[in-house]
Structure formats: C-alpha cells, structure tokens
Amino acid sequence: MKYYIGCDAHKKYSVFAGIGEAGEIVPAQRVEHDRESYRSFLNGLPAASQIAVESVGNWYPLIDELIAVMGWNAYVFLDLSGFIWSYPLEEIHATIKRLVQAGFGKRIMYGTDFIFWPRMIEASIGVIENASYLTQEQKRDILYNNAARFLRIDEMQLGESR
C-alpha cells in the first residue's frame, strides 16, 4: 500500500494530507520545518508514497533541507509556481538552477490554481520558458511532463492534450 500526499508548506510548518491506493483518507498532519521532523514523518510513510510540495515559496528558506529530503526520498516532487511569484527573479533562477544541478529536474513541477491574476500565470510560465540555462526538454518537463508522470497520466489518457 502506498499514499499520494499533498504538502502545503507554510512559513514554520507544513501540512501533509492525502489518500491511499484504496481511497482511504490520510488525515492531515502538521510537521514543523526542521530536517528531523521531515525525515521522521516521511520515514513513517509506506514505501513509494508520492509527495507533492506546494507553497507560495515558503519552502525557499529550507532549500538545503528540501534538497536533502529530495536526495533520500525519490518520490518528493516540488511545485515552483508560487515561488516564482514570491521572490526576486535572480533568486528564482539561482534556485531552479541549483535544483536541476542537484539532479532533480524530473521532480520539479509548475502547477497553479491561481486564477485571480491570470497575467501572473503567463509571466511566471515565461520565467521557465525564457530560462537560458534550461534545455527545451527540461522546460517541457517542468511545465508538463513531470506533473503528468506524478499524476500517472499515460500517453493513452493524454490524447491530443500535449
């Protein structure tokens, strides 16, 4: 049995909640922002449980810890959308570059439910599309392929959406 977990990262803690393979609810759990608390929580999950970290960039001060967690848990994915809206462009690029150089290019996603200021969505997607240090494949991974893989959307389900 494995779980599909969502993580909403706040400034000083994160809230994890999810669903199991059979549809059972994984109750929300608050985890403080320190490496040992994260490791303890993640080690208690069934093997191969997938986790998506979403925030408005509140994970940024914990980037070292997040990279460490991504290094020992191959099922942690990171959403960049809120981060792109929240920090200076130079910091955004440095952080994305660092994540890619650390080997996590296949686990970075861009996803948003931010509907109030649509032009911000276009601008933040543009940050990825115009990143000269990313290959076309890496850009497509961040903007589409990684989320499709995380959500287990296969080629048959995709049809013409690509």
N, C-alpha and C. Protein backbone atom coordinates (compact mmCIF):
# COMPACT_ATOMS: atom_id res chain seq x y z
N MET A 1 0.85 -1.18 0.00
CA MET A 1 0.00 0.00 0.00
C MET A 1 0.89 1.23 0.00
N LYS A 2 0.49 2.23 -0.76
CA LYS A 2 1.20 3.50 -0.74
C LYS A 2 0.19 4.63 -0.72
N TYR A 3 0.69 5.82 -0.42
CA TYR A 3 -0.15 7.00 -0.33
C TYR A 3 0.23 8.02 -1.40
N TYR A 4 -0.71 8.88 -1.73
CA TYR A 4 -0.49 10.04 -2.57
C TYR A 4 -0.72 11.24 -1.67
N ILE A 5 0.34 11.97 -1.39
CA ILE A 5 0.34 13.00 -0.35
C ILE A 5 0.53 14.38 -0.98
N GLY A 6 -0.22 15.34 -0.49
CA GLY A 6 -0.01 16.74 -0.82
C GLY A 6 0.56 17.44 0.39
N CYS A 7 1.49 18.33 0.16
CA CYS A 7 2.11 19.09 1.24
C CYS A 7 1.91 20.57 0.98
N ASP A 8 1.27 21.27 1.90
CA ASP A 8 1.11 22.71 1.83
C ASP A 8 2.12 23.30 2.81
N ALA A 9 3.17 23.90 2.28
CA ALA A 9 4.25 24.43 3.12
C ALA A 9 3.93 25.84 3.57
N HIS A 10 3.89 26.03 4.88
CA HIS A 10 3.71 27.36 5.47
C HIS A 10 5.08 27.86 5.90
N LYS A 11 5.13 29.01 6.56
CA LYS A 11 6.43 29.57 6.93
C LYS A 11 7.19 28.73 7.95
N LYS A 12 6.50 28.20 8.96
CA LYS A 12 7.20 27.49 10.03
C LYS A 12 6.85 26.02 10.12
N TYR A 13 5.90 25.59 9.34
CA TYR A 13 5.48 24.18 9.35
C TYR A 13 4.82 23.85 8.02
N SER A 14 4.62 22.58 7.78
CA SER A 14 3.90 22.11 6.61
C SER A 14 2.75 21.23 7.06
N VAL A 15 1.71 21.17 6.24
CA VAL A 15 0.59 20.28 6.50
C VAL A 15 0.56 19.25 5.36
N PHE A 16 0.60 17.99 5.74
CA PHE A 16 0.56 16.88 4.80
C PHE A 16 -0.81 16.20 4.92
N ALA A 17 -1.42 15.86 3.81
CA ALA A 17 -2.67 15.10 3.80
C ALA A 17 -2.70 14.33 2.48
N GLY A 18 -3.51 13.30 2.43
CA GLY A 18 -3.52 12.53 1.18
C GLY A 18 -4.59 11.47 1.14
N ILE A 19 -4.34 10.54 0.23
CA ILE A 19 -5.26 9.44 0.00
C ILE A 19 -4.45 8.18 -0.29
N GLY A 20 -4.95 7.06 0.15
CA GLY A 20 -4.28 5.78 -0.09
C GLY A 20 -4.75 5.17 -1.40
N GLU A 21 -4.07 4.11 -1.80
CA GLU A 21 -4.40 3.42 -3.06
C GLU A 21 -5.86 2.95 -3.11
N ALA A 22 -6.40 2.55 -1.97
CA ALA A 22 -7.76 2.04 -1.93
C ALA A 22 -8.79 3.14 -1.67
N GLY A 23 -8.34 4.40 -1.66
CA GLY A 23 -9.25 5.51 -1.47
C GLY A 23 -9.39 5.98 -0.03
N GLU A 24 -8.66 5.36 0.88
CA GLU A 24 -8.77 5.77 2.28
C GLU A 24 -8.07 7.12 2.49
N ILE A 25 -8.63 7.93 3.34
CA ILE A 25 -8.11 9.27 3.62
C ILE A 25 -6.92 9.18 4.56
N VAL A 26 -5.86 9.91 4.24
CA VAL A 26 -4.71 10.06 5.13
C VAL A 26 -4.94 11.37 5.86
N PRO A 27 -5.22 11.33 7.16
CA PRO A 27 -5.55 12.56 7.88
C PRO A 27 -4.42 13.60 7.80
N ALA A 28 -4.81 14.85 7.82
CA ALA A 28 -3.83 15.95 7.78
C ALA A 28 -2.93 15.88 9.01
N GLN A 29 -1.67 16.14 8.77
CA GLN A 29 -0.69 16.13 9.87
C GLN A 29 0.23 17.33 9.71
N ARG A 30 0.40 18.06 10.79
CA ARG A 30 1.30 19.22 10.81
C ARG A 30 2.71 18.75 11.16
N VAL A 31 3.69 19.20 10.35
CA VAL A 31 5.09 18.84 10.56
C VAL A 31 5.91 20.13 10.62
N GLU A 32 6.64 20.31 11.71
CA GLU A 32 7.46 21.51 11.86
C GLU A 32 8.58 21.53 10.83
N HIS A 33 9.05 22.72 10.49
CA HIS A 33 10.10 22.87 9.48
C HIS A 33 11.49 22.68 10.08
N ASP A 34 11.84 21.46 10.27
CA ASP A 34 13.22 21.10 10.59
C ASP A 34 13.48 19.73 9.98
N ARG A 35 14.71 19.48 9.65
CA ARG A 35 15.08 18.28 8.91
C ARG A 35 14.64 17.01 9.62
N GLU A 36 14.84 16.93 10.91
CA GLU A 36 14.49 15.69 11.63
C GLU A 36 12.99 15.43 11.64
N SER A 37 12.18 16.48 11.81
CA SER A 37 10.73 16.29 11.77
C SER A 37 10.28 15.81 10.40
N TYR A 38 10.84 16.40 9.33
CA TYR A 38 10.50 15.97 7.98
C TYR A 38 10.91 14.52 7.77
N ARG A 39 12.13 14.19 8.14
CA ARG A 39 12.59 12.81 7.94
C ARG A 39 11.74 11.82 8.71
N SER A 40 11.42 12.15 9.93
CA SER A 40 10.61 11.26 10.75
C SER A 40 9.24 11.02 10.10
N PHE A 41 8.60 12.08 9.66
CA PHE A 41 7.30 11.94 9.01
C PHE A 41 7.41 11.11 7.73
N LEU A 42 8.36 11.46 6.88
CA LEU A 42 8.49 10.77 5.59
C LEU A 42 8.89 9.31 5.77
N ASN A 43 9.72 9.02 6.75
CA ASN A 43 10.11 7.63 7.00
C ASN A 43 8.95 6.78 7.48
N GLY A 44 7.91 7.41 8.03
CA GLY A 44 6.74 6.68 8.50
C GLY A 44 5.74 6.34 7.41
N LEU A 45 5.96 6.88 6.21
CA LEU A 45 5.04 6.60 5.10
C LEU A 45 5.39 5.27 4.44
N PRO A 46 4.40 4.60 3.86
CA PRO A 46 4.71 3.38 3.11
C PRO A 46 5.67 3.67 1.96
N ALA A 47 6.47 2.70 1.61
CA ALA A 47 7.44 2.85 0.52
C ALA A 47 6.73 3.30 -0.75
N ALA A 48 7.40 4.13 -1.53
CA ALA A 48 6.94 4.61 -2.84
C ALA A 48 5.74 5.54 -2.76
N SER A 49 5.41 6.05 -1.57
CA SER A 49 4.35 7.06 -1.49
C SER A 49 4.84 8.32 -2.17
N GLN A 50 3.98 8.93 -3.00
CA GLN A 50 4.36 10.12 -3.72
C GLN A 50 3.91 11.36 -2.97
N ILE A 51 4.77 12.39 -2.99
CA ILE A 51 4.50 13.62 -2.25
C ILE A 51 4.74 14.80 -3.18
N ALA A 52 3.76 15.71 -3.24
CA ALA A 52 3.92 16.96 -3.99
C ALA A 52 3.96 18.10 -2.99
N VAL A 53 5.04 18.89 -3.03
CA VAL A 53 5.21 20.03 -2.13
C VAL A 53 4.74 21.28 -2.87
N GLU A 54 3.71 21.94 -2.35
CA GLU A 54 3.15 23.14 -2.95
C GLU A 54 3.21 24.26 -1.92
N SER A 55 3.52 25.44 -2.40
CA SER A 55 3.54 26.58 -1.49
C SER A 55 3.66 27.85 -2.30
N VAL A 56 3.70 28.94 -1.61
CA VAL A 56 3.99 30.22 -2.26
C VAL A 56 5.45 30.56 -1.99
N GLY A 57 6.28 29.54 -2.04
CA GLY A 57 7.70 29.75 -1.84
C GLY A 57 8.13 29.69 -0.39
N ASN A 58 7.26 29.25 0.49
CA ASN A 58 7.62 29.17 1.90
C ASN A 58 8.70 28.13 2.16
N TRP A 59 8.93 27.22 1.20
CA TRP A 59 9.99 26.23 1.35
C TRP A 59 11.36 26.84 1.06
N TYR A 60 11.40 28.02 0.44
CA TYR A 60 12.67 28.60 0.00
C TYR A 60 13.70 28.73 1.13
N PRO A 61 13.33 29.22 2.31
CA PRO A 61 14.35 29.27 3.37
C PRO A 61 14.86 27.90 3.80
N LEU A 62 14.13 26.85 3.42
CA LEU A 62 14.51 25.48 3.77
C LEU A 62 15.10 24.74 2.57
N ILE A 63 15.63 25.47 1.59
CA ILE A 63 16.07 24.82 0.35
C ILE A 63 17.11 23.74 0.61
N ASP A 64 18.03 23.96 1.55
CA ASP A 64 19.02 22.93 1.85
C ASP A 64 18.35 21.66 2.38
N GLU A 65 17.38 21.83 3.28
CA GLU A 65 16.67 20.68 3.83
C GLU A 65 15.83 20.00 2.75
N LEU A 66 15.20 20.81 1.88
CA LEU A 66 14.38 20.24 0.83
C LEU A 66 15.24 19.43 -0.14
N ILE A 67 16.39 19.94 -0.51
CA ILE A 67 17.30 19.19 -1.38
C ILE A 67 17.74 17.90 -0.70
N ALA A 68 18.01 17.96 0.61
CA ALA A 68 18.39 16.75 1.34
C ALA A 68 17.25 15.73 1.31
N VAL A 69 16.01 16.19 1.56
CA VAL A 69 14.86 15.29 1.55
C VAL A 69 14.66 14.70 0.15
N MET A 70 14.79 15.52 -0.88
CA MET A 70 14.64 15.02 -2.25
C MET A 70 15.74 14.02 -2.58
N GLY A 71 16.90 14.19 -1.96
CA GLY A 71 18.01 13.28 -2.19
C GLY A 71 17.78 11.90 -1.63
N TRP A 72 17.12 11.78 -0.51
CA TRP A 72 16.91 10.45 0.07
C TRP A 72 15.50 9.93 -0.13
N ASN A 73 14.59 10.74 -0.69
CA ASN A 73 13.24 10.25 -0.99
C ASN A 73 12.92 10.58 -2.44
N ALA A 74 12.98 9.59 -3.29
CA ALA A 74 12.82 9.77 -4.73
C ALA A 74 11.39 10.08 -5.14
N TYR A 75 10.47 10.13 -4.19
CA TYR A 75 9.08 10.37 -4.51
C TYR A 75 8.59 11.75 -4.07
N VAL A 76 9.53 12.65 -3.74
CA VAL A 76 9.17 14.02 -3.40
C VAL A 76 9.31 14.88 -4.64
N PHE A 77 8.23 15.58 -4.99
CA PHE A 77 8.19 16.49 -6.13
C PHE A 77 7.96 17.90 -5.60
N LEU A 78 8.39 18.91 -6.34
CA LEU A 78 8.30 20.30 -5.89
C LEU A 78 7.57 21.15 -6.92
N ASP A 79 6.58 21.91 -6.47
CA ASP A 79 5.86 22.85 -7.32
C ASP A 79 6.50 24.23 -7.19
N LEU A 80 6.84 24.84 -8.31
CA LEU A 80 7.52 26.14 -8.34
C LEU A 80 6.61 27.34 -8.49
N SER A 81 5.35 27.16 -8.84
CA SER A 81 4.54 28.30 -9.27
C SER A 81 4.48 29.43 -8.26
N GLY A 82 4.17 29.14 -7.02
CA GLY A 82 4.08 30.19 -6.00
C GLY A 82 5.43 30.83 -5.70
N PHE A 83 6.47 30.04 -5.78
CA PHE A 83 7.82 30.55 -5.56
C PHE A 83 8.17 31.61 -6.60
N ILE A 84 7.79 31.35 -7.84
CA ILE A 84 8.11 32.28 -8.93
C ILE A 84 7.44 33.63 -8.70
N TRP A 85 6.27 33.65 -8.08
CA TRP A 85 5.57 34.92 -7.83
C TRP A 85 6.10 35.65 -6.62
N SER A 86 6.86 34.96 -5.77
CA SER A 86 7.16 35.49 -4.44
C SER A 86 8.56 36.01 -4.22
N TYR A 87 9.49 35.76 -5.12
CA TYR A 87 10.89 36.11 -4.88
C TYR A 87 11.48 36.86 -6.07
N PRO A 88 12.59 37.56 -5.84
CA PRO A 88 13.26 38.26 -6.94
C PRO A 88 13.71 37.28 -8.02
N LEU A 89 13.67 37.73 -9.26
CA LEU A 89 13.98 36.88 -10.40
C LEU A 89 15.36 36.23 -10.29
N GLU A 90 16.34 36.96 -9.82
CA GLU A 90 17.69 36.40 -9.68
C GLU A 90 17.70 35.21 -8.72
N GLU A 91 16.97 35.32 -7.62
CA GLU A 91 16.88 34.21 -6.65
C GLU A 91 16.13 33.02 -7.24
N ILE A 92 15.08 33.30 -7.99
CA ILE A 92 14.30 32.23 -8.62
C ILE A 92 15.19 31.41 -9.55
N HIS A 93 15.91 32.10 -10.43
CA HIS A 93 16.77 31.39 -11.38
C HIS A 93 17.89 30.63 -10.66
N ALA A 94 18.49 31.24 -9.65
CA ALA A 94 19.56 30.55 -8.91
C ALA A 94 19.03 29.27 -8.26
N THR A 95 17.83 29.34 -7.72
CA THR A 95 17.25 28.18 -7.04
C THR A 95 16.86 27.08 -8.02
N ILE A 96 16.22 27.44 -9.13
CA ILE A 96 15.86 26.44 -10.13
C ILE A 96 17.12 25.78 -10.67
N LYS A 97 18.12 26.59 -10.97
CA LYS A 97 19.38 26.05 -11.48
C LYS A 97 20.00 25.09 -10.46
N ARG A 98 19.94 25.46 -9.19
CA ARG A 98 20.50 24.61 -8.14
C ARG A 98 19.76 23.27 -8.05
N LEU A 99 18.43 23.31 -8.14
CA LEU A 99 17.64 22.08 -8.09
C LEU A 99 17.95 21.18 -9.28
N VAL A 100 18.07 21.77 -10.47
CA VAL A 100 18.39 20.99 -11.66
C VAL A 100 19.80 20.41 -11.55
N GLN A 101 20.76 21.22 -11.12
CA GLN A 101 22.14 20.74 -10.98
C GLN A 101 22.25 19.65 -9.92
N ALA A 102 21.35 19.68 -8.94
CA ALA A 102 21.35 18.65 -7.90
C ALA A 102 20.73 17.34 -8.41
N GLY A 103 20.20 17.37 -9.63
CA GLY A 103 19.67 16.15 -10.23
C GLY A 103 18.17 15.98 -10.10
N PHE A 104 17.44 17.06 -9.76
CA PHE A 104 16.00 16.94 -9.51
C PHE A 104 15.14 17.55 -10.61
N GLY A 105 15.68 17.71 -11.80
CA GLY A 105 14.93 18.28 -12.91
C GLY A 105 13.68 17.51 -13.27
N LYS A 106 13.66 16.21 -12.98
CA LYS A 106 12.49 15.37 -13.29
C LYS A 106 11.45 15.40 -12.16
N ARG A 107 11.72 16.19 -11.11
CA ARG A 107 10.78 16.25 -9.99
C ARG A 107 10.37 17.69 -9.65
N ILE A 108 10.62 18.61 -10.58
CA ILE A 108 10.18 19.99 -10.43
C ILE A 108 8.95 20.17 -11.31
N MET A 109 7.89 20.75 -10.75
CA MET A 109 6.65 20.94 -11.50
C MET A 109 6.20 22.39 -11.42
N TYR A 110 5.43 22.78 -12.39
CA TYR A 110 4.74 24.06 -12.35
C TYR A 110 3.25 23.75 -12.41
N GLY A 111 2.54 24.10 -11.37
CA GLY A 111 1.10 23.90 -11.35
C GLY A 111 0.48 24.97 -10.49
N THR A 112 -0.69 25.44 -10.87
CA THR A 112 -1.29 26.51 -10.11
C THR A 112 -2.80 26.47 -10.15
N ASP A 113 -3.39 26.97 -9.10
CA ASP A 113 -4.84 27.21 -9.08
C ASP A 113 -5.08 28.71 -8.92
N PHE A 114 -4.09 29.49 -9.26
CA PHE A 114 -4.10 30.93 -9.07
C PHE A 114 -4.86 31.59 -10.21
N ILE A 115 -6.14 31.85 -10.01
CA ILE A 115 -6.97 32.34 -11.10
C ILE A 115 -7.28 33.83 -11.01
N PHE A 116 -6.87 34.48 -9.96
CA PHE A 116 -7.28 35.86 -9.76
C PHE A 116 -6.54 36.87 -10.64
N TRP A 117 -5.27 36.61 -10.92
CA TRP A 117 -4.47 37.49 -11.76
C TRP A 117 -3.85 36.67 -12.88
N PRO A 118 -4.62 36.36 -13.91
CA PRO A 118 -4.14 35.46 -14.97
C PRO A 118 -2.82 35.90 -15.61
N ARG A 119 -2.57 37.17 -15.71
CA ARG A 119 -1.31 37.61 -16.33
C ARG A 119 -0.10 37.17 -15.52
N MET A 120 -0.29 36.98 -14.23
CA MET A 120 0.81 36.47 -13.42
C MET A 120 1.16 35.04 -13.81
N ILE A 121 0.16 34.27 -14.20
CA ILE A 121 0.41 32.90 -14.64
C ILE A 121 1.27 32.94 -15.90
N GLU A 122 0.87 33.76 -16.86
CA GLU A 122 1.65 33.88 -18.10
C GLU A 122 3.07 34.34 -17.81
N ALA A 123 3.20 35.33 -16.94
CA ALA A 123 4.54 35.85 -16.62
C ALA A 123 5.40 34.80 -15.94
N SER A 124 4.80 34.04 -15.01
CA SER A 124 5.60 33.04 -14.30
C SER A 124 5.95 31.85 -15.19
N ILE A 125 5.07 31.47 -16.11
CA ILE A 125 5.42 30.43 -17.08
C ILE A 125 6.56 30.94 -17.96
N GLY A 126 6.52 32.22 -18.27
CA GLY A 126 7.58 32.84 -19.06
C GLY A 126 8.94 32.75 -18.40
N VAL A 127 8.97 32.77 -17.08
CA VAL A 127 10.24 32.62 -16.35
C VAL A 127 10.88 31.28 -16.72
N ILE A 128 10.08 30.23 -16.77
CA ILE A 128 10.59 28.91 -17.15
C ILE A 128 10.93 28.89 -18.64
N GLU A 129 10.00 29.36 -19.47
CA GLU A 129 10.22 29.31 -20.91
C GLU A 129 11.45 30.10 -21.36
N ASN A 130 11.79 31.17 -20.66
CA ASN A 130 12.91 32.03 -21.05
C ASN A 130 14.19 31.75 -20.27
N ALA A 131 14.22 30.70 -19.48
CA ALA A 131 15.41 30.35 -18.70
C ALA A 131 16.46 29.75 -19.63
N SER A 132 17.49 30.53 -19.95
CA SER A 132 18.51 30.10 -20.92
C SER A 132 19.32 28.90 -20.44
N TYR A 133 19.37 28.65 -19.15
CA TYR A 133 20.15 27.55 -18.60
C TYR A 133 19.39 26.21 -18.65
N LEU A 134 18.11 26.24 -19.03
CA LEU A 134 17.32 25.01 -19.15
C LEU A 134 17.23 24.61 -20.61
N THR A 135 17.33 23.31 -20.87
CA THR A 135 17.11 22.81 -22.22
C THR A 135 15.60 22.82 -22.51
N GLN A 136 15.25 22.67 -23.77
CA GLN A 136 13.83 22.58 -24.13
C GLN A 136 13.17 21.40 -23.43
N GLU A 137 13.89 20.30 -23.32
CA GLU A 137 13.35 19.12 -22.63
C GLU A 137 13.11 19.42 -21.15
N GLN A 138 14.04 20.10 -20.49
CA GLN A 138 13.86 20.44 -19.08
C GLN A 138 12.68 21.38 -18.88
N LYS A 139 12.51 22.33 -19.78
CA LYS A 139 11.37 23.25 -19.70
C LYS A 139 10.07 22.48 -19.83
N ARG A 140 10.00 21.58 -20.79
CA ARG A 140 8.78 20.79 -21.00
C ARG A 140 8.52 19.87 -19.81
N ASP A 141 9.59 19.34 -19.23
CA ASP A 141 9.43 18.51 -18.03
C ASP A 141 8.79 19.33 -16.91
N ILE A 142 9.34 20.51 -16.64
CA ILE A 142 8.84 21.35 -15.55
C ILE A 142 7.40 21.78 -15.80
N LEU A 143 7.10 22.17 -17.02
CA LEU A 143 5.78 22.72 -17.32
C LEU A 143 4.72 21.65 -17.60
N TYR A 144 5.14 20.40 -17.86
CA TYR A 144 4.14 19.40 -18.22
C TYR A 144 4.48 17.97 -17.83
N ASN A 145 5.58 17.46 -18.36
CA ASN A 145 5.88 16.03 -18.24
C ASN A 145 5.99 15.54 -16.81
N ASN A 146 6.63 16.31 -15.93
CA ASN A 146 6.82 15.85 -14.55
C ASN A 146 5.48 15.72 -13.83
N ALA A 147 4.57 16.68 -14.04
CA ALA A 147 3.25 16.59 -13.41
C ALA A 147 2.47 15.42 -13.98
N ALA A 148 2.54 15.21 -15.31
CA ALA A 148 1.84 14.08 -15.91
C ALA A 148 2.36 12.76 -15.33
N ARG A 149 3.67 12.67 -15.15
CA ARG A 149 4.24 11.45 -14.57
C ARG A 149 3.82 11.31 -13.10
N PHE A 150 3.86 12.40 -12.35
CA PHE A 150 3.45 12.36 -10.94
C PHE A 150 1.99 11.92 -10.81
N LEU A 151 1.15 12.43 -11.69
CA LEU A 151 -0.28 12.10 -11.65
C LEU A 151 -0.61 10.79 -12.35
N ARG A 152 0.43 10.15 -12.91
CA ARG A 152 0.29 8.88 -13.60
C ARG A 152 -0.66 8.96 -14.78
N ILE A 153 -0.53 10.04 -15.53
CA ILE A 153 -1.30 10.21 -16.75
C ILE A 153 -0.47 9.60 -17.87
N ASP A 154 -0.99 8.55 -18.48
CA ASP A 154 -0.22 7.89 -19.53
C ASP A 154 -0.55 8.45 -20.90
N GLU A 155 0.20 8.01 -21.89
CA GLU A 155 0.04 8.52 -23.25
C GLU A 155 -1.38 8.31 -23.79
N MET A 156 -2.00 7.20 -23.44
CA MET A 156 -3.35 6.92 -23.93
C MET A 156 -4.35 7.95 -23.37
N GLN A 157 -4.17 8.33 -22.11
CA GLN A 157 -5.06 9.30 -21.49
C GLN A 157 -4.81 10.71 -22.02
N LEU A 158 -3.59 10.99 -22.43
CA LEU A 158 -3.22 12.33 -22.86
C LEU A 158 -3.88 12.73 -24.17
N GLY A 159 -3.93 11.79 -25.10
CA GLY A 159 -4.52 12.11 -26.40
C GLY A 159 -3.84 13.30 -27.03
N GLU A 160 -4.61 14.28 -27.41
CA GLU A 160 -4.09 15.47 -28.10
C GLU A 160 -3.72 16.59 -27.14
N SER A 161 -3.78 16.40 -25.83
CA SER A 161 -3.53 17.48 -24.89
C SER A 161 -2.09 17.95 -24.90
N ARG A 162 -1.18 17.13 -25.39
CA ARG A 162 0.23 17.51 -25.42
C ARG A 162 0.45 18.43 -26.55
